[in-house]
């Protein structure tokens, strides 16, 4: 029984890591586009 519980915890940990990676990727892309937007805005003015 404890072994099965450990496997479940391991799976949930992997899911959490995937969510964290996805979130970090989203933030990175957002900041990347924001910097490009600001740069193009600066050049336009």
C-alpha atoms as a PDB file:
ATOM      1  CA  UNK A   1       0.000   0.000   0.000  1.00  0.00           C
ATOM      2  CA  UNK A   2       2.691   2.600   0.882  1.00  0.00           C
ATOM      3  CA  UNK A   3       4.465   1.913  -2.431  1.00  0.00           C
ATOM      4  CA  UNK A   4       1.322   2.756  -4.388  1.00  0.00           C
ATOM      5  CA  UNK A   5       0.914   5.966  -2.409  1.00  0.00           C
ATOM      6  CA  UNK A   6       4.523   6.918  -3.210  1.00  0.00           C
ATOM      7  CA  UNK A   7       3.876   6.418  -6.923  1.00  0.00           C
ATOM      8  CA  UNK A   8       0.827   8.690  -6.733  1.00  0.00           C
ATOM      9  CA  UNK A   9       2.852  11.388  -4.976  1.00  0.00           C
ATOM     10  CA  UNK A  10       5.592  11.060  -7.578  1.00  0.00           C
ATOM     11  CA  UNK A  11       3.087  11.519 -10.420  1.00  0.00           C
ATOM     12  CA  UNK A  12       1.561  14.591  -8.788  1.00  0.00           C
ATOM     13  CA  UNK A  13       5.048  16.058  -8.306  1.00  0.00           C
ATOM     14  CA  UNK A  14       5.762  15.617 -12.021  1.00  0.00           C
ATOM     15  CA  UNK A  15       2.503  17.396 -12.874  1.00  0.00           C
ATOM     16  CA  UNK A  16       3.416  20.297 -10.584  1.00  0.00           C
ATOM     17  CA  UNK A  17       6.821  20.573 -12.248  1.00  0.00           C
ATOM     18  CA  UNK A  18       5.162  20.676 -15.677  1.00  0.00           C
ATOM     19  CA  UNK A  19       2.820  23.449 -14.507  1.00  0.00           C
ATOM     20  CA  UNK A  20       5.739  25.451 -13.095  1.00  0.00           C
ATOM     21  CA  UNK A  21       7.706  25.045 -16.328  1.00  0.00           C
ATOM     22  CA  UNK A  22       4.691  26.134 -18.392  1.00  0.00           C
ATOM     23  CA  UNK A  23       4.174  29.165 -16.153  1.00  0.00           C
ATOM     24  CA  UNK A  24       7.843  30.177 -16.397  1.00  0.00           C
ATOM     25  CA  UNK A  25       7.704  29.795 -20.183  1.00  0.00           C
ATOM     26  CA  UNK A  26       4.568  31.958 -20.335  1.00  0.00           C
ATOM     27  CA  UNK A  27       6.144  34.696 -18.214  1.00  0.00           C
ATOM     28  CA  UNK A  28       9.336  34.557 -20.318  1.00  0.00           C
ATOM     29  CA  UNK A  29       7.414  34.889 -23.598  1.00  0.00           C
ATOM     30  CA  UNK A  30       5.244  37.683 -22.170  1.00  0.00           C
ATOM     31  CA  UNK A  31       8.259  39.691 -20.982  1.00  0.00           C
ATOM     32  CA  UNK A  32       9.968  39.033 -24.335  1.00  0.00           C
ATOM     33  CA  UNK A  33       7.032  40.424 -26.325  1.00  0.00           C
ATOM     34  CA  UNK A  34       6.659  43.317 -23.880  1.00  0.00           C
ATOM     35  CA  UNK A  35      10.284  44.342 -24.402  1.00  0.00           C
ATOM     36  CA  UNK A  36       9.865  44.143 -28.200  1.00  0.00           C
ATOM     37  CA  UNK A  37       6.657  46.206 -27.982  1.00  0.00           C
ATOM     38  CA  UNK A  38       8.387  48.856 -25.881  1.00  0.00           C
ATOM     39  CA  UNK A  39      11.379  48.955 -28.242  1.00  0.00           C
ATOM     40  CA  UNK A  40       9.171  49.377 -31.333  1.00  0.00           C
ATOM     41  CA  UNK A  41       7.138  52.038 -29.504  1.00  0.00           C
ATOM     42  CA  UNK A  42      10.339  53.891 -28.616  1.00  0.00           C
ATOM     43  CA  UNK A  43      11.541  53.727 -32.231  1.00  0.00           C
ATOM     44  CA  UNK A  44       8.178  54.971 -33.536  1.00  0.00           C
ATOM     45  CA  UNK A  45       8.425  58.077 -31.361  1.00  0.00           C
END
